[in-house]
Amino acid sequence: MPRRIPESLIEQGRAAYRQGRLNYARQIFRNALKACAAGCDAELKAEIHVAIGKVERDLNQNEPALNHYCSAAEIFRQVNNQMSLAHAARHIADILREMGRQRQAEPFAVDAIGIYRTQNPLPRLHLANGLRVAALLNEDMQNHDTSLRCWAEAIDLYRQEGIDAGVAESAMHIASLRGR
């Protein structure tokens, strides 16, 4: 049985991405999105938006990345896929933060963290990553106490998950905030 076109293109795009061929991966994912225009599963379409958003971020194209993650988030909200919605919201918050739009980013980070906290079992690594974004946002906005609380919770979660890079980054920010 032949594979459906969007799924086949997604597979090709992921292979190109793993090989570091970002522009080619982006084009393949765009083709998959076009193939979805004729009608495909909404969540598949959202996943394609996420894939394009990820490539755009890696290519330092924040505005297109933001647009794709926002499209994905809207679809995930419509189909009530909470974890994928939280993931997209976290990336939206991080992109907006990188663009210097902290106030716009804050509600997305709060939403992502809120969704993660309602999941059973608790997705510790996802929550830690959401807290990381919130901590960075609060640092940028000079809300040092809130940032410190986010980093303190994140470092515990990173430790539980064995993510040394997350522990190190959290510890560095905690030390900096305490030493200011």
Protein backbone atom coordinates (compact mmCIF):
# COMPACT_ATOMS: atom_id res chain seq x y z
CA MET A 1 0.00 0.00 0.00
CA PRO A 2 1.59 3.34 -1.03
CA ARG A 3 2.21 5.93 1.64
CA ARG A 4 0.09 9.03 1.71
CA ILE A 5 1.92 12.02 0.28
CA PRO A 6 2.07 14.30 3.35
CA GLU A 7 3.40 11.53 5.60
CA SER A 8 6.01 10.55 3.04
CA LEU A 9 7.13 14.16 2.68
CA ILE A 10 7.31 14.57 6.46
CA GLU A 11 9.54 11.52 6.65
CA GLN A 12 11.79 12.97 3.93
CA GLY A 13 11.85 16.36 5.66
CA ARG A 14 12.86 14.81 8.97
CA ALA A 15 15.67 12.91 7.26
CA ALA A 16 16.92 16.11 5.61
CA TYR A 17 16.70 17.90 8.97
CA ARG A 18 18.76 15.19 10.70
CA GLN A 19 21.36 15.56 7.96
CA GLY A 20 21.56 19.30 8.61
CA ARG A 21 20.06 20.20 5.24
CA LEU A 22 17.79 22.83 6.73
CA ASN A 23 16.75 24.72 3.61
CA TYR A 24 15.91 21.48 1.87
CA ALA A 25 13.99 20.23 4.92
CA ARG A 26 12.03 23.48 5.02
CA GLN A 27 11.07 23.10 1.37
CA ILE A 28 9.97 19.51 1.85
CA PHE A 29 7.88 20.44 4.89
CA ARG A 30 6.32 23.30 2.93
CA ASN A 31 5.42 20.83 0.20
CA ALA A 32 3.83 18.59 2.82
CA LEU A 33 1.79 21.54 4.06
CA LYS A 34 0.63 22.23 0.50
CA ALA A 35 -0.31 18.57 0.14
CA CYS A 36 -2.44 18.99 3.25
CA ALA A 37 -4.38 21.82 1.65
CA ALA A 38 -6.43 19.22 -0.21
CA GLY A 39 -7.46 17.85 3.15
CA CYS A 40 -5.67 15.91 5.81
CA ASP A 41 -5.88 15.29 9.50
CA ALA A 42 -5.77 18.56 11.47
CA GLU A 43 -3.14 17.28 13.90
CA LEU A 44 -0.92 16.20 11.02
CA LYS A 45 -1.19 19.70 9.59
CA ALA A 46 -0.28 21.14 12.99
CA GLU A 47 2.75 18.82 13.22
CA ILE A 48 3.92 20.09 9.83
CA HIS A 49 3.62 23.66 11.11
CA VAL A 50 5.74 22.66 14.13
CA ALA A 51 8.35 21.07 11.86
CA ILE A 52 8.56 24.19 9.69
CA GLY A 53 8.68 26.38 12.79
CA LYS A 54 11.59 24.37 14.16
CA VAL A 55 13.53 24.67 10.91
CA GLU A 56 12.81 28.40 10.70
CA ARG A 57 14.14 28.86 14.24
CA ASP A 58 17.29 26.96 13.36
CA LEU A 59 17.67 29.26 10.36
CA ASN A 60 17.23 32.30 12.66
CA GLN A 61 13.98 33.24 10.94
CA ASN A 62 11.96 34.12 14.03
CA GLU A 63 8.95 35.76 12.38
CA PRO A 64 8.12 32.80 10.10
CA ALA A 65 8.86 30.40 12.99
CA LEU A 66 6.45 32.34 15.19
CA ASN A 67 3.73 32.22 12.54
CA HIS A 68 4.04 28.45 12.12
CA TYR A 69 4.04 27.75 15.87
CA CYS A 70 0.98 30.02 16.25
CA SER A 71 -0.81 28.12 13.48
CA ALA A 72 0.06 24.83 15.16
CA ALA A 73 -1.10 26.09 18.57
CA GLU A 74 -4.46 27.15 17.16
CA ILE A 75 -5.01 23.73 15.61
CA PHE A 76 -3.92 21.91 18.77
CA ARG A 77 -6.34 24.09 20.76
CA GLN A 78 -9.20 23.24 18.36
CA VAL A 79 -8.57 19.49 18.57
CA ASN A 80 -7.91 19.66 22.34
CA ASN A 81 -4.39 18.23 22.20
CA GLN A 82 -3.18 19.78 25.44
CA MET A 83 0.43 18.54 25.49
CA SER A 84 1.08 19.61 21.91
CA LEU A 85 -0.61 22.94 22.61
CA ALA A 86 1.67 23.46 25.63
CA HIS A 87 4.73 22.57 23.54
CA ALA A 88 3.76 25.06 20.83
CA ALA A 89 2.94 27.75 23.42
CA ARG A 90 6.33 27.28 25.08
CA HIS A 91 8.09 27.76 21.75
CA ILE A 92 5.96 30.81 20.96
CA ALA A 93 6.97 32.30 24.32
CA ASP A 94 10.63 31.58 23.69
CA ILE A 95 10.56 33.06 20.18
CA LEU A 96 8.76 36.21 21.37
CA ARG A 97 11.29 36.52 24.21
CA GLU A 98 14.16 36.26 21.73
CA MET A 99 12.48 38.97 19.67
CA GLY A 100 12.37 41.27 22.73
CA ARG A 101 8.60 40.99 23.08
CA GLN A 102 8.55 39.76 26.68
CA ARG A 103 5.09 41.08 27.59
CA GLN A 104 3.55 39.26 24.64
CA ALA A 105 5.51 36.11 25.51
CA GLU A 106 4.46 35.91 29.15
CA PRO A 107 0.89 34.56 28.67
CA PHE A 108 2.15 31.78 26.41
CA ALA A 109 4.72 30.67 29.00
CA VAL A 110 2.08 30.77 31.73
CA ASP A 111 -0.32 28.72 29.58
CA ALA A 112 2.32 26.10 28.80
CA ILE A 113 3.30 25.72 32.46
CA GLY A 114 -0.34 25.54 33.50
CA ILE A 115 -1.05 22.75 31.02
CA TYR A 116 2.04 20.79 32.03
CA ARG A 117 1.03 20.99 35.70
CA THR A 118 -2.38 19.41 34.95
CA GLN A 119 -0.94 16.33 33.25
CA ASN A 120 -0.79 12.97 34.94
CA PRO A 121 1.90 11.79 35.10
CA LEU A 122 3.65 15.13 35.40
CA PRO A 123 5.88 15.69 32.34
CA ARG A 124 8.85 16.84 34.41
CA LEU A 125 11.20 17.66 31.55
CA HIS A 126 8.54 19.63 29.68
CA LEU A 127 7.63 21.49 32.85
CA ALA A 128 11.30 22.24 33.51
CA ASN A 129 11.68 23.61 29.99
CA GLY A 130 8.56 25.75 30.43
CA LEU A 131 9.88 27.06 33.73
CA ARG A 132 13.18 27.84 32.02
CA VAL A 133 11.41 30.06 29.49
CA ALA A 134 9.42 31.75 32.27
CA ALA A 135 12.60 32.29 34.29
CA LEU A 136 14.37 33.90 31.33
CA LEU A 137 11.34 36.09 30.62
CA ASN A 138 11.21 37.24 34.21
CA GLU A 139 14.93 37.95 34.24
CA ASP A 140 14.51 40.06 31.11
CA MET A 141 11.68 41.98 32.80
CA GLN A 142 13.73 42.46 36.00
CA ASN A 143 11.34 40.27 38.02
CA HIS A 144 14.25 38.64 39.80
CA ASP A 145 12.30 36.97 42.63
CA THR A 146 9.91 35.28 40.20
CA SER A 147 12.80 34.28 37.98
CA LEU A 148 14.64 32.78 40.95
CA ARG A 149 11.56 30.73 41.93
CA CYS A 150 11.23 29.41 38.37
CA TRP A 151 14.92 28.48 38.20
CA ALA A 152 14.76 26.80 41.62
CA GLU A 153 11.87 24.60 40.53
CA ALA A 154 13.43 23.93 37.13
CA ILE A 155 16.77 22.82 38.60
CA ASP A 156 15.02 20.22 40.77
CA LEU A 157 13.13 18.88 37.78
CA TYR A 158 16.27 18.79 35.61
CA ARG A 159 18.06 16.89 38.38
CA GLN A 160 15.23 14.36 38.60
CA GLU A 161 15.43 13.85 34.84
CA GLY A 162 19.25 13.68 34.77
CA ILE A 163 19.60 16.65 32.40
CA ASP A 164 23.03 17.98 33.33
CA ALA A 165 22.91 20.91 30.89
CA GLY A 166 19.62 22.07 32.43
CA VAL A 167 21.03 21.74 35.94
CA ALA A 168 24.13 23.71 34.98
CA GLU A 169 22.19 26.50 33.27
CA SER A 170 19.75 26.76 36.16
CA ALA A 171 22.57 26.82 38.72
CA MET A 172 24.37 29.56 36.80
CA HIS A 173 21.26 31.75 36.71
CA ILE A 174 20.45 31.08 40.38
CA ALA A 175 23.98 32.07 41.40
CA SER A 176 23.80 35.21 39.28
CA LEU A 177 20.40 36.22 40.68
CA ARG A 178 21.47 35.59 44.27
CA GLY A 179 24.71 37.50 43.77
CA ARG A 180 23.21 40.64 42.26
